[in-house]
C-alpha atoms as a PDB file:
ATOM      1  CA  MET A   1     -73.495 -74.104  40.505  1.00  0.00           C
ATOM      2  CA  GLN A   2     -70.511 -72.783  42.371  1.00  0.00           C
ATOM      3  CA  SER A   3     -68.052 -75.007  40.561  1.00  0.00           C
ATOM      4  CA  CYS A   4     -69.523 -74.019  37.160  1.00  0.00           C
ATOM      5  CA  SER A   5     -69.154 -70.311  37.993  1.00  0.00           C
ATOM      6  CA  VAL A   6     -65.505 -70.744  38.967  1.00  0.00           C
ATOM      7  CA  ARG A   7     -64.704 -72.638  35.768  1.00  0.00           C
ATOM      8  CA  SER A   8     -66.210 -69.794  33.657  1.00  0.00           C
ATOM      9  CA  LEU A   9     -63.754 -67.181  34.957  1.00  0.00           C
ATOM     10  CA  PRO A  10     -60.747 -68.335  32.842  1.00  0.00           C
ATOM     11  CA  LEU A  11     -62.989 -68.573  29.820  1.00  0.00           C
ATOM     12  CA  LEU A  12     -64.163 -65.001  30.361  1.00  0.00           C
ATOM     13  CA  ALA A  13     -60.603 -63.759  30.735  1.00  0.00           C
ATOM     14  CA  LEU A  14     -59.601 -65.540  27.518  1.00  0.00           C
ATOM     15  CA  CYS A  15     -62.472 -63.945  25.614  1.00  0.00           C
ATOM     16  CA  LEU A  16     -61.547 -60.516  26.928  1.00  0.00           C
ATOM     17  CA  ALA A  17     -57.883 -60.948  25.942  1.00  0.00           C
ATOM     18  CA  SER A  18     -58.856 -62.154  22.450  1.00  0.00           C
ATOM     19  CA  GLY A  19     -61.073 -59.107  21.985  1.00  0.00           C
ATOM     20  CA  LEU A  20     -58.349 -56.701  22.978  1.00  0.00           C
ATOM     21  CA  LEU A  21     -55.880 -58.458  20.681  1.00  0.00           C
ATOM     22  CA  GLY A  22     -58.303 -58.213  17.776  1.00  0.00           C
ATOM     23  CA  MET A  23     -58.875 -54.521  18.365  1.00  0.00           C
ATOM     24  CA  GLY A  24     -55.128 -53.906  18.435  1.00  0.00           C
ATOM     25  CA  ILE A  25     -54.546 -55.748  15.142  1.00  0.00           C
ATOM     26  CA  ALA A  26     -57.406 -53.839  13.504  1.00  0.00           C
ATOM     27  CA  TRP A  27     -55.917 -50.524  14.639  1.00  0.00           C
ATOM     28  CA  TRP A  28     -52.441 -51.515  13.412  1.00  0.00           C
ATOM     29  CA  MET A  29     -53.704 -52.602  10.003  1.00  0.00           C
ATOM     30  CA  HIS A  30     -55.773 -49.487   9.396  1.00  0.00           C
ATOM     31  CA  PRO A  31     -54.547 -47.706   6.140  1.00  0.00           C
ATOM     32  CA  GLU A  32     -53.920 -44.435   7.937  1.00  0.00           C
ATOM     33  CA  HIS A  33     -51.491 -46.039  10.361  1.00  0.00           C
ATOM     34  CA  ARG A  34     -49.762 -48.064   7.604  1.00  0.00           C
ATOM     35  CA  ALA A  35     -49.121 -44.766   5.754  1.00  0.00           C
ATOM     36  CA  GLU A  36     -47.588 -43.234   8.832  1.00  0.00           C
ATOM     37  CA  ARG A  37     -45.281 -46.261   9.256  1.00  0.00           C
ATOM     38  CA  SER A  38     -44.167 -46.159   5.602  1.00  0.00           C
ATOM     39  CA  ARG A  39     -43.443 -42.419   5.590  1.00  0.00           C
ATOM     40  CA  PRO A  40     -39.659 -41.883   5.204  1.00  0.00           C
ATOM     41  CA  GLU A  41     -37.611 -40.281   7.907  1.00  0.00           C
ATOM     42  CA  PRO A  42     -37.195 -36.524   7.426  1.00  0.00           C
ATOM     43  CA  ILE A  43     -33.926 -35.654   5.641  1.00  0.00           C
ATOM     44  CA  SER A  44     -32.958 -33.498   8.622  1.00  0.00           C
ATOM     45  CA  ARG A  45     -32.795 -36.692  10.744  1.00  0.00           C
ATOM     46  CA  LEU A  46     -30.735 -38.620   8.181  1.00  0.00           C
ATOM     47  CA  VAL A  47     -28.148 -35.897   7.390  1.00  0.00           C
ATOM     48  CA  PRO A  48     -26.048 -34.613  10.282  1.00  0.00           C
ATOM     49  CA  ASP A  49     -26.161 -30.910  10.988  1.00  0.00           C
ATOM     50  CA  VAL A  50     -23.489 -28.990   9.019  1.00  0.00           C
ATOM     51  CA  GLU A  51     -22.236 -25.745  10.456  1.00  0.00           C
ATOM     52  CA  PRO A  52     -22.522 -22.892   7.927  1.00  0.00           C
ATOM     53  CA  PRO A  53     -19.191 -21.303   6.987  1.00  0.00           C
ATOM     54  CA  PRO A  54     -18.303 -18.276   9.070  1.00  0.00           C
ATOM     55  CA  PRO A  55     -19.177 -14.934   7.475  1.00  0.00           C
ATOM     56  CA  PRO A  56     -16.357 -12.951   5.861  1.00  0.00           C
ATOM     57  CA  PRO A  57     -14.804 -10.072   7.781  1.00  0.00           C
ATOM     58  CA  ALA A  58     -16.403  -6.654   7.651  1.00  0.00           C
ATOM     59  CA  ARG A  59     -15.094  -4.400   4.897  1.00  0.00           C
ATOM     60  CA  ASP A  60     -13.068  -2.296   7.315  1.00  0.00           C
ATOM     61  CA  ARG A  61     -11.225  -5.446   8.456  1.00  0.00           C
ATOM     62  CA  LEU A  62     -10.078  -6.572   5.007  1.00  0.00           C
ATOM     63  CA  THR A  63      -7.081  -4.264   5.361  1.00  0.00           C
ATOM     64  CA  ARG A  64      -5.187  -2.661   8.228  1.00  0.00           C
ATOM     65  CA  PHE A  65      -3.844   0.818   7.606  1.00  0.00           C
ATOM     66  CA  LEU A  66      -0.651   1.538   9.565  1.00  0.00           C
ATOM     67  CA  PRO A  67       0.385   5.156   8.965  1.00  0.00           C
ATOM     68  CA  ASP A  68       3.553   6.930  10.043  1.00  0.00           C
ATOM     69  CA  GLN A  69       5.436   3.988  11.526  1.00  0.00           C
ATOM     70  CA  THR A  70       9.125   3.903  12.480  1.00  0.00           C
ATOM     71  CA  LEU A  71      11.434   0.889  12.641  1.00  0.00           C
ATOM     72  CA  ASN A  72      14.909   1.104  14.140  1.00  0.00           C
ATOM     73  CA  VAL A  73      17.285  -1.259  12.321  1.00  0.00           C
ATOM     74  CA  LEU A  74      20.899  -2.147  12.937  1.00  0.00           C
ATOM     75  CA  ARG A  75      23.378  -1.762  10.100  1.00  0.00           C
ATOM     76  CA  SER A  76      26.245  -4.127   9.431  1.00  0.00           C
ATOM     77  CA  ASP A  77      28.756  -1.542  10.708  1.00  0.00           C
ATOM     78  CA  GLY A  78      27.062  -1.467  14.123  1.00  0.00           C
ATOM     79  CA  THR A  79      25.236   1.836  13.657  1.00  0.00           C
ATOM     80  CA  SER A  80      21.468   2.040  13.587  1.00  0.00           C
ATOM     81  CA  ILE A  81      18.928   3.985  11.564  1.00  0.00           C
ATOM     82  CA  ASN A  82      15.264   4.830  12.015  1.00  0.00           C
ATOM     83  CA  ILE A  83      13.305   4.030   8.853  1.00  0.00           C
ATOM     84  CA  GLY A  84       9.940   5.700   8.568  1.00  0.00           C
ATOM     85  CA  TYR A  85       7.177   3.989   6.628  1.00  0.00           C
ATOM     86  CA  THR A  86       3.469   3.631   6.058  1.00  0.00           C
ATOM     87  CA  SER A  87       1.942   0.272   5.236  1.00  0.00           C
ATOM     88  CA  VAL A  88      -1.323  -1.517   4.575  1.00  0.00           C
ATOM     89  CA  VAL A  89      -1.809  -5.164   5.558  1.00  0.00           C
ATOM     90  CA  VAL A  90      -4.119  -6.923   3.082  1.00  0.00           C
ATOM     91  CA  ASP A  91      -6.138 -10.116   3.611  1.00  0.00           C
ATOM     92  CA  PRO A  92      -5.789 -12.025   0.288  1.00  0.00           C
ATOM     93  CA  ARG A  93      -8.648 -14.401   1.164  1.00  0.00           C
ATOM     94  CA  TRP A  94     -11.277 -11.718   0.617  1.00  0.00           C
ATOM     95  CA  THR A  95      -9.597  -9.205  -1.691  1.00  0.00           C
ATOM     96  CA  THR A  96      -8.626  -8.974  -5.336  1.00  0.00           C
ATOM     97  CA  VAL A  97      -6.661  -6.695  -7.643  1.00  0.00           C
ATOM     98  CA  GLU A  98      -7.772  -4.717 -10.703  1.00  0.00           C
ATOM     99  CA  PHE A  99      -5.959  -2.828 -13.456  1.00  0.00           C
ATOM    100  CA  PHE A 100      -6.675   0.883 -13.012  1.00  0.00           C
ATOM    101  CA  GLY A 101      -5.572   2.259 -16.360  1.00  0.00           C
ATOM    102  CA  GLY A 102      -4.948   5.831 -17.443  1.00  0.00           C
ATOM    103  CA  TRP A 103      -2.085   8.261 -17.120  1.00  0.00           C
ATOM    104  CA  ASN A 104      -1.818  10.172 -13.857  1.00  0.00           C
ATOM    105  CA  ARG A 105      -5.081   9.031 -12.278  1.00  0.00           C
ATOM    106  CA  GLY A 106      -3.966   9.510  -8.690  1.00  0.00           C
ATOM    107  CA  LEU A 107      -6.630  12.141  -8.022  1.00  0.00           C
ATOM    108  CA  ASP A 108      -9.286   9.808  -9.492  1.00  0.00           C
ATOM    109  CA  ALA A 109      -8.068   7.102  -7.128  1.00  0.00           C
ATOM    110  CA  ASN A 110      -8.699   9.392  -4.164  1.00  0.00           C
ATOM    111  CA  ASP A 111     -12.430   9.401  -4.948  1.00  0.00           C
ATOM    112  CA  ASP A 112     -12.861   5.687  -5.720  1.00  0.00           C
ATOM    113  CA  GLU A 113     -15.331   4.429  -3.106  1.00  0.00           C
ATOM    114  CA  GLU A 114     -14.983   0.797  -4.182  1.00  0.00           C
ATOM    115  CA  ALA A 115     -11.216   0.637  -3.664  1.00  0.00           C
ATOM    116  CA  LEU A 116      -9.483  -0.322  -0.444  1.00  0.00           C
ATOM    117  CA  LEU A 117      -6.183   1.064  -1.706  1.00  0.00           C
ATOM    118  CA  PHE A 118      -3.981   1.584  -4.770  1.00  0.00           C
ATOM    119  CA  THR A 119      -0.312   0.761  -5.254  1.00  0.00           C
ATOM    120  CA  SER A 120       2.419   0.511  -7.876  1.00  0.00           C
ATOM    121  CA  GLY A 121       2.758  -2.398 -10.288  1.00  0.00           C
ATOM    122  CA  PRO A 122       5.629  -3.690 -12.434  1.00  0.00           C
ATOM    123  CA  THR A 123       7.922  -1.416 -14.383  1.00  0.00           C
ATOM    124  CA  PHE A 124       7.059  -0.284 -17.904  1.00  0.00           C
ATOM    125  CA  ALA A 125       8.533   1.663 -20.812  1.00  0.00           C
ATOM    126  CA  ARG A 126       6.866   4.240 -22.992  1.00  0.00           C
ATOM    127  CA  GLY A 127       6.187   2.925 -26.482  1.00  0.00           C
ATOM    128  CA  SER A 128       3.545   1.458 -28.731  1.00  0.00           C
ATOM    129  CA  GLY A 129       1.328  -0.973 -26.872  1.00  0.00           C
ATOM    130  CA  ASN A 130      -1.756  -1.230 -24.680  1.00  0.00           C
ATOM    131  CA  GLY A 131      -3.834   1.144 -26.777  1.00  0.00           C
ATOM    132  CA  ASP A 132      -3.981   4.755 -25.694  1.00  0.00           C
ATOM    133  CA  LEU A 133      -1.708   4.046 -22.757  1.00  0.00           C
ATOM    134  CA  ALA A 134       1.217   3.777 -25.200  1.00  0.00           C
ATOM    135  CA  MET A 135       3.370   1.798 -22.806  1.00  0.00           C
ATOM    136  CA  ARG A 136       5.082  -1.572 -22.787  1.00  0.00           C
ATOM    137  CA  LEU A 137       4.734  -3.738 -19.690  1.00  0.00           C
ATOM    138  CA  HIS A 138       7.711  -5.638 -18.272  1.00  0.00           C
ATOM    139  CA  GLY A 139       5.584  -8.234 -16.492  1.00  0.00           C
ATOM    140  CA  ASP A 140       2.378 -10.213 -17.019  1.00  0.00           C
ATOM    141  CA  LEU A 141      -0.726  -9.066 -15.173  1.00  0.00           C
ATOM    142  CA  MET A 142      -3.696 -11.394 -14.663  1.00  0.00           C
ATOM    143  CA  LEU A 143      -6.188  -9.413 -12.615  1.00  0.00           C
ATOM    144  CA  ALA A 144      -9.875  -9.417 -11.750  1.00  0.00           C
ATOM    145  CA  ASN A 145     -10.791  -7.275 -14.760  1.00  0.00           C
ATOM    146  CA  GLY A 146      -8.582  -8.817 -17.433  1.00  0.00           C
ATOM    147  CA  LEU A 147      -5.260 -10.129 -18.674  1.00  0.00           C
ATOM    148  CA  TRP A 148      -2.398  -7.830 -19.677  1.00  0.00           C
ATOM    149  CA  PRO A 149       0.491  -9.872 -21.119  1.00  0.00           C
ATOM    150  CA  ALA A 150       3.954  -8.340 -20.886  1.00  0.00           C
ATOM    151  CA  ASP A 151       5.111  -6.625 -24.044  1.00  0.00           C
ATOM    152  CA  ASN A 152       8.718  -7.367 -23.099  1.00  0.00           C
ATOM    153  CA  ARG A 153       8.618 -11.163 -22.899  1.00  0.00           C
ATOM    154  CA  ALA A 154      12.305 -11.500 -22.033  1.00  0.00           C
ATOM    155  CA  ALA A 155      11.910  -9.214 -19.020  1.00  0.00           C
ATOM    156  CA  ALA A 156       8.806 -11.078 -17.850  1.00  0.00           C
ATOM    157  CA  ALA A 157      10.630 -14.416 -17.974  1.00  0.00           C
ATOM    158  CA  GLU A 158      13.582 -13.089 -15.968  1.00  0.00           C
ATOM    159  CA  ARG A 159      11.627 -11.576 -13.100  1.00  0.00           C
ATOM    160  CA  ALA A 160       9.505 -12.639 -10.132  1.00  0.00           C
ATOM    161  CA  TRP A 161       5.803 -12.630  -9.347  1.00  0.00           C
ATOM    162  CA  VAL A 162       3.279 -12.518  -6.505  1.00  0.00           C
ATOM    163  CA  GLY A 163      -0.197 -14.049  -6.850  1.00  0.00           C
ATOM    164  CA  ILE A 164      -3.386 -15.059  -5.064  1.00  0.00           C
ATOM    165  CA  SER A 165      -4.682 -18.595  -5.534  1.00  0.00           C
ATOM    166  CA  ARG A 166      -8.329 -19.404  -6.173  1.00  0.00           C
ATOM    167  CA  ALA A 167      -8.454 -20.547  -2.545  1.00  0.00           C
ATOM    168  CA  GLY A 168      -7.355 -17.065  -1.445  1.00  0.00           C
ATOM    169  CA  GLU A 169      -3.778 -17.893  -0.469  1.00  0.00           C
ATOM    170  CA  LEU A 170      -0.684 -15.858  -1.325  1.00  0.00           C
ATOM    171  CA  GLU A 171       1.824 -17.465  -3.661  1.00  0.00           C
ATOM    172  CA  HIS A 172       5.074 -16.222  -5.169  1.00  0.00           C
ATOM    173  CA  GLY A 173       7.671 -17.441  -7.611  1.00  0.00           C
ATOM    174  CA  TYR A 174       9.774 -16.681 -10.656  1.00  0.00           C
ATOM    175  CA  GLY A 175       9.142 -16.285 -14.358  1.00  0.00           C
ATOM    176  CA  SER A 176       6.185 -15.335 -16.509  1.00  0.00           C
ATOM    177  CA  LEU A 177       2.555 -16.439 -16.392  1.00  0.00           C
ATOM    178  CA  THR A 178       2.102 -20.069 -17.489  1.00  0.00           C
ATOM    179  CA  ALA A 179      -1.015 -22.084 -18.328  1.00  0.00           C
ATOM    180  CA  GLU A 180      -0.655 -23.992 -15.059  1.00  0.00           C
ATOM    181  CA  LEU A 181      -0.450 -20.781 -13.024  1.00  0.00           C
ATOM    182  CA  GLU A 182      -3.356 -19.288 -14.940  1.00  0.00           C
ATOM    183  CA  GLU A 183      -5.438 -22.296 -13.884  1.00  0.00           C
ATOM    184  CA  ARG A 184      -4.396 -22.189 -10.221  1.00  0.00           C
ATOM    185  CA  LEU A 185      -4.353 -18.446  -9.546  1.00  0.00           C
ATOM    186  CA  ARG A 186      -6.929 -15.681  -9.752  1.00  0.00           C
ATOM    187  CA  VAL A 187      -4.365 -12.868  -9.431  1.00  0.00           C
ATOM    188  CA  PHE A 188      -0.870 -12.767 -10.964  1.00  0.00           C
ATOM    189  CA  ILE A 189       1.438  -9.742 -10.715  1.00  0.00           C
ATOM    190  CA  GLY A 190       4.627 -10.377 -12.653  1.00  0.00           C
ATOM    191  CA  GLY A 191       7.651  -8.315 -13.588  1.00  0.00           C
ATOM    192  CA  LEU A 192       8.791  -7.859  -9.953  1.00  0.00           C
ATOM    193  CA  HIS A 193      12.228  -7.699  -8.402  1.00  0.00           C
ATOM    194  CA  ALA A 194      12.738 -10.463  -5.829  1.00  0.00           C
ATOM    195  CA  PHE A 195      14.419  -8.487  -3.081  1.00  0.00           C
ATOM    196  CA  THR A 196      14.591 -11.263  -0.457  1.00  0.00           C
ATOM    197  CA  ASN A 197      13.232 -14.802  -0.400  1.00  0.00           C
ATOM    198  CA  THR A 198      13.735 -17.171   2.522  1.00  0.00           C
ATOM    199  CA  THR A 199      11.432 -19.839   1.084  1.00  0.00           C
ATOM    200  CA  GLN A 200      13.005 -20.717  -2.265  1.00  0.00           C
ATOM    201  CA  GLU A 201      16.124 -20.214  -4.327  1.00  0.00           C
ATOM    202  CA  ALA A 202      15.943 -18.090  -7.452  1.00  0.00           C
ATOM    203  CA  PRO A 203      16.408 -20.135 -10.643  1.00  0.00           C
ATOM    204  CA  PRO A 204      19.326 -19.440 -12.994  1.00  0.00           C
ATOM    205  CA  SER A 205      16.903 -17.726 -15.393  1.00  0.00           C
ATOM    206  CA  TYR A 206      16.137 -14.991 -12.842  1.00  0.00           C
ATOM    207  CA  ALA A 207      17.810 -11.638 -13.565  1.00  0.00           C
ATOM    208  CA  GLY A 208      15.661  -9.230 -11.561  1.00  0.00           C
ATOM    209  CA  VAL A 209      14.981  -5.577 -12.217  1.00  0.00           C
ATOM    210  CA  TYR A 210      17.497  -3.601 -10.206  1.00  0.00           C
ATOM    211  CA  GLY A 211      21.226  -3.877  -9.848  1.00  0.00           C
ATOM    212  CA  GLU A 212      23.181  -2.333  -6.998  1.00  0.00           C
ATOM    213  CA  MET A 213      21.058   0.703  -6.147  1.00  0.00           C
ATOM    214  CA  ARG A 214      23.291   3.290  -4.478  1.00  0.00           C
ATOM    215  CA  LEU A 215      20.807   6.155  -4.378  1.00  0.00           C
ATOM    216  CA  ALA A 216      18.667   6.758  -1.296  1.00  0.00           C
ATOM    217  CA  ASP A 217      15.022   6.871  -2.301  1.00  0.00           C
ATOM    218  CA  VAL A 218      11.375   6.084  -1.545  1.00  0.00           C
ATOM    219  CA  ARG A 219      10.682   2.348  -1.795  1.00  0.00           C
ATOM    220  CA  ILE A 220       7.557   0.290  -2.318  1.00  0.00           C
ATOM    221  CA  VAL A 221       7.750  -3.251  -0.919  1.00  0.00           C
ATOM    222  CA  TYR A 222       5.390  -6.221  -1.281  1.00  0.00           C
ATOM    223  CA  GLY A 223       6.046  -8.140   1.953  1.00  0.00           C
ATOM    224  CA  ILE A 224       4.928 -11.781   2.360  1.00  0.00           C
ATOM    225  CA  ARG A 225       4.096 -12.138   6.047  1.00  0.00           C
ATOM    226  CA  PRO A 226       4.281 -15.374   8.084  1.00  0.00           C
ATOM    227  CA  ASP A 227       0.535 -15.088   8.804  1.00  0.00           C
ATOM    228  CA  GLY A 228      -0.233 -15.400   5.079  1.00  0.00           C
ATOM    229  CA  GLN A 229      -1.175 -11.770   4.592  1.00  0.00           C
ATOM    230  CA  LEU A 230       0.393  -9.236   2.243  1.00  0.00           C
ATOM    231  CA  GLU A 231       1.915  -6.060   3.627  1.00  0.00           C
ATOM    232  CA  LEU A 232       2.339  -3.195   1.161  1.00  0.00           C
ATOM    233  CA  VAL A 233       4.944  -0.738   2.408  1.00  0.00           C
ATOM    234  CA  GLU A 234       5.960   2.734   1.285  1.00  0.00           C
ATOM    235  CA  THR A 235       9.114   3.851   3.054  1.00  0.00           C
ATOM    236  CA  ALA A 236      10.173   7.369   3.820  1.00  0.00           C
ATOM    237  CA  ASP A 237      12.548   9.069   1.401  1.00  0.00           C
ATOM    238  CA  GLY A 238      16.274   8.475   1.691  1.00  0.00           C
ATOM    239  CA  VAL A 239      16.322   4.691   2.129  1.00  0.00           C
ATOM    240  CA  LEU A 240      19.323   2.826   0.725  1.00  0.00           C
ATOM    241  CA  PHE A 241      19.003  -0.721  -0.596  1.00  0.00           C
ATOM    242  CA  SER A 242      21.357  -1.922   2.124  1.00  0.00           C
ATOM    243  CA  ASP A 243      19.114  -0.404   4.804  1.00  0.00           C
ATOM    244  CA  LEU A 244      16.033  -1.791   3.095  1.00  0.00           C
ATOM    245  CA  LYS A 245      17.547  -5.287   3.403  1.00  0.00           C
ATOM    246  CA  SER A 246      17.752  -4.796   7.149  1.00  0.00           C
ATOM    247  CA  PHE A 247      14.230  -3.358   7.214  1.00  0.00           C
ATOM    248  CA  VAL A 248      12.565  -6.376   5.583  1.00  0.00           C
ATOM    249  CA  ARG A 249      14.559  -8.704   7.825  1.00  0.00           C
ATOM    250  CA  TYR A 250      13.399  -6.848  10.948  1.00  0.00           C
ATOM    251  CA  LYS A 251       9.828  -6.924   9.615  1.00  0.00           C
ATOM    252  CA  GLY A 252      10.056 -10.717   9.461  1.00  0.00           C
ATOM    253  CA  PHE A 253       8.881 -11.076   5.878  1.00  0.00           C
ATOM    254  CA  LEU A 254       9.246 -14.563   4.412  1.00  0.00           C
ATOM    255  CA  ALA A 255       9.903 -12.893   1.075  1.00  0.00           C
ATOM    256  CA  SER A 256       9.822  -9.358  -0.278  1.00  0.00           C
ATOM    257  CA  PHE A 257       9.380  -8.026  -3.793  1.00  0.00           C
ATOM    258  CA  LEU A 258       9.841  -4.602  -5.343  1.00  0.00           C
ATOM    259  CA  PRO A 259       7.513  -3.210  -8.016  1.00  0.00           C
ATOM    260  CA  ASP A 260       8.137   0.114  -9.708  1.00  0.00           C
ATOM    261  CA  HIS A 261       9.120   2.554  -6.957  1.00  0.00           C
ATOM    262  CA  ALA A 262      11.159   5.701  -6.258  1.00  0.00           C
ATOM    263  CA  SER A 263       9.370   8.383  -8.329  1.00  0.00           C
ATOM    264  CA  LYS A 264       6.721   5.799  -9.296  1.00  0.00           C
ATOM    265  CA  SER A 265       5.900   4.939  -5.680  1.00  0.00           C
ATOM    266  CA  ARG A 266       2.186   4.804  -4.930  1.00  0.00           C
ATOM    267  CA  LEU A 267       0.325   3.865  -1.761  1.00  0.00           C
ATOM    268  CA  ILE A 268      -3.053   5.599  -1.934  1.00  0.00           C
ATOM    269  CA  VAL A 269      -5.788   4.849   0.609  1.00  0.00           C
ATOM    270  CA  PRO A 270      -9.010   6.675  -0.345  1.00  0.00           C
ATOM    271  CA  GLY A 271     -10.262   8.795   2.509  1.00  0.00           C
ATOM    272  CA  LYS A 272      -7.124   8.216   4.591  1.00  0.00           C
ATOM    273  CA  ARG A 273      -4.000   8.756   2.488  1.00  0.00           C
ATOM    274  CA  PRO A 274      -4.806  10.657  -0.700  1.00  0.00           C
ATOM    275  CA  TRP A 275      -2.540  11.374  -3.637  1.00  0.00           C
ATOM    276  CA  SER A 276      -1.630  15.018  -4.161  1.00  0.00           C
ATOM    277  CA  HIS A 277       0.744  17.265  -6.065  1.00  0.00           C
ATOM    278  CA  GLU A 278       2.770  17.590  -2.881  1.00  0.00           C
ATOM    279  CA  HIS A 279       3.111  13.804  -2.720  1.00  0.00           C
ATOM    280  CA  ALA A 280       4.260  13.747  -6.361  1.00  0.00           C
ATOM    281  CA  VAL A 281       6.916  16.318  -5.525  1.00  0.00           C
ATOM    282  CA  TRP A 282       7.996  14.253  -2.518  1.00  0.00           C
ATOM    283  CA  VAL A 283       8.385  10.861  -4.276  1.00  0.00           C
ATOM    284  CA  SER A 284      10.167  12.431  -7.239  1.00  0.00           C
ATOM    285  CA  GLY A 285      12.676  14.469  -5.277  1.00  0.00           C
ATOM    286  CA  GLY A 286      11.180  17.735  -6.517  1.00  0.00           C
ATOM    287  CA  ARG A 287      10.639  16.674 -10.158  1.00  0.00           C
ATOM    288  CA  PRO A 288       6.957  15.646 -10.385  1.00  0.00           C
ATOM    289  CA  SER A 289       7.140  15.319 -14.178  1.00  0.00           C
ATOM    290  CA  ILE A 290       9.051  12.033 -13.742  1.00  0.00           C
ATOM    291  CA  SER A 291       6.378  10.613 -11.421  1.00  0.00           C
ATOM    292  CA  GLN A 292       3.810  10.042 -14.193  1.00  0.00           C
ATOM    293  CA  MET A 293       2.181   6.592 -14.223  1.00  0.00           C
ATOM    294  CA  PRO A 294       0.011   4.923 -16.930  1.00  0.00           C
ATOM    295  CA  PHE A 295      -1.724   2.568 -14.498  1.00  0.00           C
ATOM    296  CA  LEU A 296      -2.134   1.645 -10.860  1.00  0.00           C
ATOM    297  CA  LEU A 297      -3.080  -1.595  -9.144  1.00  0.00           C
ATOM    298  CA  LYS A 298      -6.412  -1.254  -7.370  1.00  0.00           C
ATOM    299  CA  ILE A 299      -7.146  -3.542  -4.425  1.00  0.00           C
ATOM    300  CA  ARG A 300     -10.779  -4.045  -3.533  1.00  0.00           C
ATOM    301  CA  PRO A 301     -13.064  -6.655  -1.920  1.00  0.00           C
ATOM    302  CA  SER A 302     -13.347  -9.821  -4.007  1.00  0.00           C
ATOM    303  CA  ARG A 303     -16.487 -11.054  -5.718  1.00  0.00           C
ATOM    304  CA  GLU A 304     -16.739 -13.872  -3.178  1.00  0.00           C
ATOM    305  CA  TRP A 305     -16.728 -11.317  -0.365  1.00  0.00           C
ATOM    306  CA  HIS A 306     -19.585  -9.448  -2.078  1.00  0.00           C
ATOM    307  CA  ASP A 307     -21.495 -12.684  -2.719  1.00  0.00           C
ATOM    308  CA  ARG A 308     -21.421 -13.500   0.989  1.00  0.00           C
ATOM    309  CA  GLN A 309     -22.942 -10.180   2.011  1.00  0.00           C
ATOM    310  CA  PRO A 310     -26.643  -9.790   2.988  1.00  0.00           C
ATOM    311  CA  VAL A 311     -29.033  -9.490   0.046  1.00  0.00           C
ATOM    312  CA  ASP A 312     -29.674  -5.824   0.799  1.00  0.00           C
ATOM    313  CA  ALA A 313     -25.978  -4.962   0.511  1.00  0.00           C
ATOM    314  CA  ALA A 314     -24.842  -2.343  -1.968  1.00  0.00           C
ATOM    315  CA  PRO A 315     -24.461  -3.313  -5.669  1.00  0.00           C
ATOM    316  CA  ARG A 316     -21.103  -4.789  -6.594  1.00  0.00           C
ATOM    317  CA  SER A 317     -18.821  -4.936  -9.600  1.00  0.00           C
ATOM    318  CA  GLU A 318     -19.166  -8.050 -11.766  1.00  0.00           C
ATOM    319  CA  THR A 319     -15.440  -8.778 -11.951  1.00  0.00           C
ATOM    320  CA  SER A 320     -13.693 -11.173  -9.592  1.00  0.00           C
END
């Protein structure tokens, strides 16, 4: 009896193991567990985490207003001069430019809550063209709210331009607006005088706007900065071209361009630097009648900047 009981122990263990194995197989083959095994991995486990793009700067950081500055520059004869100026540094990545049409709308510009600032554009001549504005442009303008081809095609071809690419980068060059540029850029301001350019040689076709300017005057400068931003400068009165050359060199601009200036100088910052009759008298040397302008260039936040704002942000313009 003892030997029989001992021999039954392995048999009992084998039966127990077989039962446990059967229960495990039954559990594994149950439809509910098969469904869980066949369920695909969540997409969040298959696709690596992608960091969202950083938010755009706040509106008050799209530009930097630098009023009442002074730069001491050395002249070629060894003397020095203090040049007063006010400027606005613009981030092209998040800003755009619009055509602000209408004669003498400086006071309207003061009250424009959408604008970051206003400045001068290319030169023009009075004459038939551009509807009620009755003026002929000397440079092509491709802006957020439309295309204004130059009426003087020869002038447009012989001058320089500054633009903003669709990626938000500053570009500059020579000549009129081409199909290739129209595809690559979202802003094109033509008809400019290339004052200095350390990045490229002017082509033989370039003639510019101004010859040897011997009068001291107010100047507007589009300065291309090494950091990729655009600095719009209005100098004090009484600046000679020779001194302006030294000024842009001391500022460190990679290139500098002149739009219409002197009596047509405009650098209006709503709420900070308004246009006034006194300003018109100042830029015109006491003859405000010659300071009349048929349009301004309005710089404002771009459509992409608006699109990246919270959903409860203020309504935006539909142009880009």
